[in-house]
Amino acid sequence: MLKLLINKFVGCNFNMIFNLKKTSLLSKAFLVGFIIIAFYVGYVIFFPHHLPKSRVQLIVNKDQNIPQLAAALEKNHLISSKNAFLLLLRLLQKDKKITAGLYNLNKAYSMWGLIRRITNGKPDKISFMIVEGWTFEQLKASVDKLDNIQHLSLNMSDKDLKNVLKIDAPNLEGLFFPSTYFIAPNQTDFEIYHNAYKLMQNKINSLFESRTINSYYKNPYQMLIMASLIQKETAIPSDMYLISTVFNNRLRLGMKLQDDPAVFYGAHHTNGKPAHKIFVTDTPYNTYIHYGLPPTPIAIPSENALKAASQPLDKPRILFFVAIGAGKTKFSNTYREHAGAVNKYVRRTSAPEVDDNTKDFVIYEEMKKRDEN
């Protein structure tokens, strides 16, 4: 009996010692794992990441979302983990404090340091994007909202700003090239306008010199006007060349351009007239009433639209087009074909309609005669 009790006691203690050793080993393993993870996290976050070259220019665009920025930083070897970057941003509550602009990185930055750098509100240069298709009204409203620059044009009239920039044009519409611009903090808004205007002049003058024989412009400004019409008609580059061809064919034949965006642009200040009245309202931009190009651009054209304006195709017969949905355009040689396309894709009917309260009445007689000829 005594021997049995001794054996049980010894066995119990042995199991306790074994379990203690097992627990100790698990604790040590956990501790080692924790140290490794902590070291890795510390390395990723706090250890300076070597720059791929001695000086790097980091550009943070205003329209760039945070995952896109993180992916770009990882791709360019400025951080080692985009997921760690996103997590740290949120933990620090810095994800809404990133300042768009250009940052000159002259030394190695840790992830922590890089986040502090791009969220302190002090980029080396401030970025500003001019968007294709904007009107000058939209452009100026966006410039006026920029932080960290001097707004000298804030209360200026368009005429005064035109004089300051030494621009010889009827107005400021369409004259500023769509791109991203960088200016140093505390510089004036004049610098944005000046740089964008200079770049547009270089682009349009170069393209005017290389234009094809199928284009019908007297000067680069007329080609700029055409590019703005093309820009507002489509965003598809291949269709831009066809629309340019249609409009240049119409100029060659002495036909009205009949461009809807120009009509709506001219009707912008006509006291909210209903759409069916706009096409019979006489403004300088009503291309259903007046021949030739409108007097000024109607928006900022993209580089694709500028190229299309300078390079109309050798297709002298196409004279019509209509938007048919999903960004697509249907082109036609005759008014009969065009009317059929309008009925099929726009009205969804099988027979042509002519309503004297709409633009159809304005174009019907002229197009019918040309089709018969």
Protein backbone atom coordinates (compact mmCIF):
# COMPACT_ATOMS: atom_id res chain seq x y z
CA MET A 1 0.00 0.00 0.00
CA LEU A 2 2.77 2.43 0.91
CA LYS A 3 4.62 1.52 -2.24
CA LEU A 4 1.51 2.29 -4.32
CA LEU A 5 1.09 5.72 -2.72
CA ILE A 6 4.76 6.55 -3.34
CA ASN A 7 4.44 5.55 -7.00
CA LYS A 8 1.33 7.73 -7.44
CA PHE A 9 3.05 10.68 -5.76
CA VAL A 10 6.14 10.34 -7.92
CA GLY A 11 4.05 9.96 -11.08
CA CYS A 12 1.94 13.02 -10.25
CA ASN A 13 5.00 15.19 -9.66
CA PHE A 14 6.60 13.93 -12.84
CA ASN A 15 3.51 14.93 -14.86
CA MET A 16 3.46 18.36 -13.21
CA ILE A 17 7.13 18.88 -14.02
CA PHE A 18 6.55 17.71 -17.60
CA ASN A 19 3.56 20.06 -18.03
CA LEU A 20 5.53 22.93 -16.56
CA LYS A 21 8.34 22.26 -18.97
CA LYS A 22 5.82 22.04 -21.84
CA THR A 23 4.22 25.34 -20.80
CA SER A 24 7.65 26.90 -20.50
CA LEU A 25 8.58 25.78 -23.99
CA LEU A 26 5.31 27.18 -25.43
CA SER A 27 5.90 30.48 -23.63
CA LYS A 28 9.41 30.66 -24.98
CA ALA A 29 8.22 29.85 -28.49
CA PHE A 30 5.51 32.51 -28.22
CA LEU A 31 8.03 35.02 -26.90
CA VAL A 32 10.48 34.26 -29.69
CA GLY A 33 7.68 34.56 -32.26
CA PHE A 34 6.54 37.85 -30.77
CA ILE A 35 10.11 39.20 -30.85
CA ILE A 36 10.50 38.17 -34.50
CA ILE A 37 7.17 39.79 -35.47
CA ALA A 38 7.96 42.93 -33.49
CA PHE A 39 11.40 43.13 -35.09
CA TYR A 40 9.88 42.69 -38.56
CA VAL A 41 7.18 45.31 -37.93
CA GLY A 42 9.79 47.67 -36.50
CA TYR A 43 12.01 47.07 -39.52
CA VAL A 44 9.19 47.69 -41.98
CA ILE A 45 7.88 50.82 -40.22
CA PHE A 46 10.87 52.49 -38.63
CA PHE A 47 13.92 51.33 -40.57
CA PRO A 48 14.90 53.73 -43.42
CA HIS A 49 14.22 52.17 -46.79
CA HIS A 50 17.06 52.74 -49.26
CA LEU A 51 16.13 54.96 -52.19
CA PRO A 52 16.44 53.37 -55.64
CA LYS A 53 18.66 56.34 -56.58
CA SER A 54 20.25 59.32 -54.87
CA ARG A 55 17.26 61.61 -55.47
CA VAL A 56 13.64 60.66 -56.07
CA GLN A 57 10.75 62.91 -57.03
CA LEU A 58 7.54 61.58 -55.51
CA ILE A 59 4.37 62.89 -57.16
CA VAL A 60 1.10 62.59 -55.26
CA ASN A 61 -1.82 63.43 -57.55
CA LYS A 62 -4.95 65.06 -56.21
CA ASP A 63 -7.20 62.46 -57.84
CA GLN A 64 -5.06 59.51 -56.70
CA ASN A 65 -6.70 57.30 -54.07
CA ILE A 66 -4.70 55.87 -51.16
CA PRO A 67 -4.48 52.24 -52.40
CA GLN A 68 -3.17 53.54 -55.75
CA LEU A 69 -0.58 55.65 -53.94
CA ALA A 70 0.49 52.70 -51.76
CA ALA A 71 0.84 50.46 -54.81
CA ALA A 72 2.94 53.09 -56.60
CA LEU A 73 5.22 53.52 -53.58
CA GLU A 74 5.76 49.77 -53.34
CA LYS A 75 6.35 49.44 -57.09
CA ASN A 76 9.01 52.18 -56.97
CA HIS A 77 10.70 50.55 -53.93
CA LEU A 78 9.97 53.46 -51.58
CA ILE A 79 8.17 51.15 -49.14
CA SER A 80 8.43 47.40 -48.62
CA SER A 81 4.74 46.64 -48.03
CA LYS A 82 1.71 48.51 -49.34
CA ASN A 83 -0.57 46.71 -46.87
CA ALA A 84 1.56 47.79 -43.90
CA PHE A 85 1.55 51.34 -45.30
CA LEU A 86 -2.25 51.39 -45.54
CA LEU A 87 -2.66 49.93 -42.05
CA LEU A 88 -0.22 52.40 -40.49
CA LEU A 89 -1.94 55.33 -42.21
CA ARG A 90 -5.27 54.33 -40.70
CA LEU A 91 -3.84 53.62 -37.27
CA LEU A 92 -2.23 57.08 -37.26
CA GLN A 93 -5.47 58.61 -38.66
CA LYS A 94 -3.42 60.21 -41.43
CA ASP A 95 -5.30 58.69 -44.37
CA LYS A 96 -7.23 61.93 -44.97
CA LYS A 97 -4.28 64.27 -44.46
CA ILE A 98 -2.14 63.42 -47.48
CA THR A 99 -1.27 66.58 -49.43
CA ALA A 100 -1.09 66.40 -53.23
CA GLY A 101 2.10 67.73 -54.72
CA LEU A 102 5.70 66.99 -55.63
CA TYR A 103 8.13 65.80 -52.94
CA ASN A 104 11.90 65.76 -53.42
CA LEU A 105 13.27 62.79 -51.47
CA ASN A 106 17.01 63.32 -50.97
CA LYS A 107 17.54 60.73 -48.24
CA ALA A 108 16.27 57.33 -47.17
CA TYR A 109 12.91 57.44 -45.40
CA SER A 110 11.31 54.93 -43.08
CA MET A 111 7.64 54.22 -43.70
CA TRP A 112 6.86 56.23 -40.59
CA GLY A 113 8.97 59.12 -41.83
CA LEU A 114 7.50 59.01 -45.32
CA ILE A 115 3.96 59.17 -43.93
CA ARG A 116 4.93 62.19 -41.83
CA ARG A 117 6.53 63.77 -44.92
CA ILE A 118 3.46 63.52 -47.17
CA THR A 119 0.93 64.46 -44.48
CA ASN A 120 2.59 67.57 -43.03
CA GLY A 121 0.91 69.82 -45.62
CA LYS A 122 4.25 71.03 -47.04
CA PRO A 123 5.06 69.50 -50.43
CA ASP A 124 8.09 70.89 -52.26
CA LYS A 125 5.73 71.81 -55.08
CA ILE A 126 1.93 71.92 -55.23
CA SER A 127 0.25 69.90 -57.98
CA PHE A 128 -2.76 71.05 -59.94
CA MET A 129 -4.55 69.14 -62.69
CA ILE A 130 -6.38 70.84 -65.55
CA VAL A 131 -9.01 68.41 -66.82
CA GLU A 132 -9.84 68.00 -70.49
CA GLY A 133 -13.39 69.09 -71.27
CA TRP A 134 -13.48 71.77 -68.57
CA THR A 135 -14.78 75.22 -69.37
CA PHE A 136 -12.73 78.19 -68.20
CA GLU A 137 -15.37 78.80 -65.54
CA GLN A 138 -14.68 75.34 -64.11
CA LEU A 139 -10.92 75.82 -64.37
CA LYS A 140 -10.93 79.12 -62.51
CA ALA A 141 -13.22 77.78 -59.78
CA SER A 142 -10.77 74.93 -59.20
CA VAL A 143 -7.71 77.21 -59.18
CA ASP A 144 -9.43 79.53 -56.71
CA LYS A 145 -9.79 76.62 -54.25
CA LEU A 146 -6.08 75.72 -54.23
CA ASP A 147 -4.33 75.95 -50.87
CA ASN A 148 -0.85 77.35 -50.20
CA ILE A 149 -0.66 79.69 -53.22
CA GLN A 150 -1.29 83.40 -53.69
CA HIS A 151 -4.64 84.05 -55.36
CA LEU A 152 -3.95 87.28 -57.23
CA SER A 153 -6.64 86.57 -59.83
CA LEU A 154 -9.36 85.77 -57.31
CA ASN A 155 -11.38 88.96 -57.83
CA MET A 156 -10.24 89.69 -61.38
CA SER A 157 -12.55 89.77 -64.35
CA ASP A 158 -11.72 87.45 -67.23
CA LYS A 159 -10.77 90.51 -69.29
CA ASP A 160 -8.30 91.73 -66.66
CA LEU A 161 -6.76 88.27 -66.32
CA LYS A 162 -6.45 88.06 -70.10
CA ASN A 163 -4.56 91.37 -70.09
CA VAL A 164 -2.23 90.26 -67.28
CA LEU A 165 -1.41 87.05 -69.17
CA LYS A 166 -1.02 89.05 -72.43
CA ILE A 167 -3.41 86.80 -74.30
CA ASP A 168 -4.73 87.99 -77.64
CA ALA A 169 -8.02 86.08 -77.99
CA PRO A 170 -11.73 86.92 -77.67
CA ASN A 171 -11.90 85.18 -74.27
CA LEU A 172 -10.03 82.63 -72.15
CA GLU A 173 -12.05 79.59 -73.17
CA GLY A 174 -10.07 76.51 -74.25
CA LEU A 175 -6.65 78.18 -74.05
CA PHE A 176 -5.06 76.14 -71.23
CA PHE A 177 -3.58 72.73 -71.92
CA PRO A 178 -4.97 69.85 -69.80
CA SER A 179 -2.16 68.37 -67.73
CA THR A 180 -0.75 68.26 -64.19
CA TYR A 181 1.24 71.33 -63.20
CA PHE A 182 3.58 71.88 -60.25
CA ILE A 183 4.31 75.18 -58.57
CA ALA A 184 6.23 76.01 -55.43
CA PRO A 185 4.19 76.93 -52.33
CA ASN A 186 3.31 80.63 -52.03
CA GLN A 187 3.69 81.23 -55.76
CA THR A 188 0.84 82.98 -57.57
CA ASP A 189 -2.02 81.46 -59.50
CA PHE A 190 -0.74 83.41 -62.52
CA GLU A 191 2.02 80.81 -62.81
CA ILE A 192 -0.50 78.01 -63.42
CA TYR A 193 -2.34 79.99 -66.08
CA HIS A 194 0.89 81.11 -67.75
CA ASN A 195 2.40 77.61 -67.92
CA ALA A 196 -0.82 76.00 -69.17
CA TYR A 197 -1.36 78.71 -71.81
CA LYS A 198 2.24 78.47 -73.03
CA LEU A 199 2.01 74.70 -73.35
CA MET A 200 -1.28 74.92 -75.28
CA GLN A 201 0.24 77.44 -77.69
CA ASN A 202 3.22 75.17 -78.33
CA LYS A 203 0.93 72.18 -78.95
CA ILE A 204 -1.54 73.93 -81.22
CA ASN A 205 1.09 75.75 -83.28
CA SER A 206 3.06 72.55 -83.85
CA LEU A 207 -0.05 70.59 -84.87
CA PHE A 208 -1.26 73.40 -87.11
CA GLU A 209 2.02 73.27 -89.01
CA SER A 210 1.66 69.51 -89.54
CA ARG A 211 -2.07 69.52 -90.38
CA THR A 212 -3.34 67.51 -93.35
CA ILE A 213 -4.70 68.96 -96.59
CA ASN A 214 -8.18 67.80 -95.54
CA SER A 215 -8.36 70.44 -92.80
CA TYR A 216 -9.94 73.85 -93.44
CA TYR A 217 -8.58 76.37 -90.93
CA LYS A 218 -7.15 79.82 -91.49
CA ASN A 219 -5.12 79.85 -88.27
CA PRO A 220 -4.24 77.78 -85.17
CA TYR A 221 -7.04 79.37 -83.15
CA GLN A 222 -9.67 78.02 -85.56
CA MET A 223 -8.16 74.57 -85.18
CA LEU A 224 -8.37 74.98 -81.39
CA ILE A 225 -12.08 75.80 -81.73
CA MET A 226 -12.59 72.66 -83.80
CA ALA A 227 -10.72 70.55 -81.23
CA SER A 228 -13.04 71.82 -78.49
CA LEU A 229 -16.12 70.78 -80.51
CA ILE A 230 -14.61 67.33 -81.05
CA GLN A 231 -13.78 67.03 -77.34
CA LYS A 232 -17.39 67.63 -76.31
CA GLU A 233 -18.73 65.16 -78.86
CA THR A 234 -16.78 62.05 -77.85
CA ALA A 235 -14.05 60.68 -75.60
CA ILE A 236 -13.09 57.87 -78.03
CA PRO A 237 -9.89 58.80 -79.93
CA SER A 238 -10.80 56.87 -83.12
CA ASP A 239 -14.20 58.59 -83.29
CA MET A 240 -12.53 61.96 -82.78
CA TYR A 241 -10.82 61.64 -86.16
CA LEU A 242 -14.11 60.78 -87.87
CA ILE A 243 -15.94 63.68 -86.21
CA SER A 244 -13.09 65.96 -87.30
CA THR A 245 -13.59 64.60 -90.82
CA VAL A 246 -17.34 65.28 -90.77
CA PHE A 247 -16.91 68.87 -89.57
CA ASN A 248 -14.10 69.63 -92.03
CA ASN A 249 -16.15 68.15 -94.88
CA ARG A 250 -19.00 70.46 -93.88
CA LEU A 251 -16.67 73.47 -93.80
CA ARG A 252 -15.40 72.55 -97.27
CA LEU A 253 -18.95 72.24 -98.66
CA GLY A 254 -20.24 75.39 -96.94
CA MET A 255 -22.66 73.44 -94.74
CA LYS A 256 -23.65 74.39 -91.22
CA LEU A 257 -21.79 72.37 -88.58
CA GLN A 258 -24.97 71.68 -86.56
CA ASP A 259 -23.01 70.83 -83.43
CA ASP A 260 -25.19 70.31 -80.36
CA PRO A 261 -22.57 71.03 -77.64
CA ALA A 262 -21.83 74.42 -79.22
CA VAL A 263 -25.53 75.28 -79.19
CA PHE A 264 -25.87 74.33 -75.52
CA TYR A 265 -22.72 76.28 -74.66
CA GLY A 266 -24.15 79.40 -76.30
CA ALA A 267 -27.46 78.86 -74.52
CA HIS A 268 -25.79 78.71 -71.10
CA HIS A 269 -27.09 82.18 -70.23
CA THR A 270 -30.48 82.07 -71.97
CA ASN A 271 -32.52 81.92 -68.77
CA GLY A 272 -33.08 78.17 -68.75
CA LYS A 273 -35.04 77.83 -71.96
CA PRO A 274 -36.37 74.32 -72.65
CA ALA A 275 -34.20 72.17 -74.93
CA HIS A 276 -36.54 72.31 -77.93
CA LYS A 277 -36.35 76.14 -77.89
CA ILE A 278 -32.56 76.33 -77.64
CA PHE A 279 -31.98 75.15 -81.21
CA VAL A 280 -33.97 78.05 -82.64
CA THR A 281 -32.50 80.63 -80.26
CA ASP A 282 -30.01 82.87 -82.05
CA THR A 283 -26.62 83.01 -80.32
CA PRO A 284 -23.16 83.25 -81.94
CA TYR A 285 -22.68 79.59 -80.97
CA ASN A 286 -25.85 78.28 -82.63
CA THR A 287 -24.30 76.25 -85.44
CA TYR A 288 -27.77 75.30 -86.68
CA ILE A 289 -28.33 78.96 -87.59
CA HIS A 290 -24.84 80.29 -88.37
CA TYR A 291 -22.34 78.92 -90.86
CA GLY A 292 -18.73 78.17 -90.02
CA LEU A 293 -17.06 77.68 -86.66
CA PRO A 294 -18.35 79.30 -83.46
CA PRO A 295 -16.39 82.42 -82.39
CA THR A 296 -14.39 80.73 -79.60
CA PRO A 297 -13.67 77.28 -78.21
CA ILE A 298 -16.40 75.82 -75.99
CA ALA A 299 -14.13 73.79 -73.66
CA ILE A 300 -10.56 72.68 -73.05
CA PRO A 301 -9.65 70.06 -75.68
CA SER A 302 -7.46 67.04 -74.94
CA GLU A 303 -4.28 66.31 -76.87
CA ASN A 304 -6.19 63.57 -78.72
CA ALA A 305 -8.82 66.09 -79.80
CA LEU A 306 -6.12 68.53 -80.94
CA LYS A 307 -4.46 65.81 -83.02
CA ALA A 308 -7.81 64.77 -84.52
CA ALA A 309 -8.59 68.37 -85.44
CA SER A 310 -5.29 68.61 -87.29
CA GLN A 311 -5.62 65.24 -89.02
CA PRO A 312 -9.10 64.79 -90.56
CA LEU A 313 -9.31 61.65 -92.70
CA ASP A 314 -9.60 61.47 -96.46
CA LYS A 315 -13.27 60.51 -96.40
CA PRO A 316 -15.03 63.33 -98.27
CA ARG A 317 -18.49 61.73 -98.26
CA ILE A 318 -19.26 61.37 -94.54
CA LEU A 319 -21.33 64.32 -93.38
CA PHE A 320 -23.39 63.13 -90.40
CA PHE A 321 -23.05 61.39 -87.05
CA VAL A 322 -25.21 60.63 -84.04
CA ALA A 323 -24.41 59.25 -80.58
CA ILE A 324 -26.00 55.81 -80.25
CA GLY A 325 -25.19 55.03 -76.61
CA ALA A 326 -22.40 53.24 -74.73
CA GLY A 327 -19.98 55.91 -75.95
CA LYS A 328 -20.43 54.84 -79.59
CA THR A 329 -21.17 57.00 -82.64
CA LYS A 330 -22.89 56.19 -85.92
CA PHE A 331 -21.54 57.95 -89.02
CA SER A 332 -23.51 58.45 -92.26
CA ASN A 333 -22.93 59.80 -95.76
CA THR A 334 -26.46 61.07 -96.45
CA TYR A 335 -29.23 62.69 -94.48
CA ARG A 336 -31.53 59.76 -95.25
CA GLU A 337 -29.05 57.36 -93.62
CA HIS A 338 -28.61 59.77 -90.73
CA ALA A 339 -32.37 60.12 -90.16
CA GLY A 340 -32.67 56.36 -90.12
CA ALA A 341 -29.89 56.11 -87.53
CA VAL A 342 -31.56 58.77 -85.38
CA ASN A 343 -34.89 56.93 -85.55
CA LYS A 344 -33.26 53.60 -84.78
CA TYR A 345 -30.94 54.59 -81.94
CA VAL A 346 -32.44 57.76 -80.47
CA ARG A 347 -36.20 57.80 -81.06
CA ARG A 348 -36.56 54.00 -81.40
CA THR A 349 -39.08 54.41 -84.25
CA SER A 350 -39.17 53.16 -87.82
CA ALA A 351 -40.40 56.26 -89.66
CA PRO A 352 -38.64 59.66 -89.95
CA GLU A 353 -40.07 62.46 -87.84
CA VAL A 354 -39.79 66.20 -88.37
CA ASP A 355 -41.01 68.48 -85.58
CA ASP A 356 -40.90 72.24 -86.18
CA ASN A 357 -40.30 72.79 -82.47
CA THR A 358 -36.97 70.95 -82.54
CA LYS A 359 -33.62 71.14 -84.28
CA ASP A 360 -34.93 68.67 -86.92
CA PHE A 361 -36.96 71.45 -88.51
CA VAL A 362 -33.88 73.66 -88.71
CA ILE A 363 -31.85 71.08 -90.63
CA TYR A 364 -34.50 69.18 -92.57
CA GLU A 365 -34.97 71.31 -95.69
CA GLU A 366 -31.28 71.96 -96.23
CA MET A 367 -30.30 68.32 -95.77
CA LYS A 368 -33.15 67.04 -97.96
CA LYS A 369 -32.00 69.21 -100.86
CA ARG A 370 -28.36 68.12 -100.47
CA ASP A 371 -29.38 64.48 -100.31
CA GLU A 372 -31.39 64.82 -103.51
CA ASN A 373 -28.42 66.37 -105.26
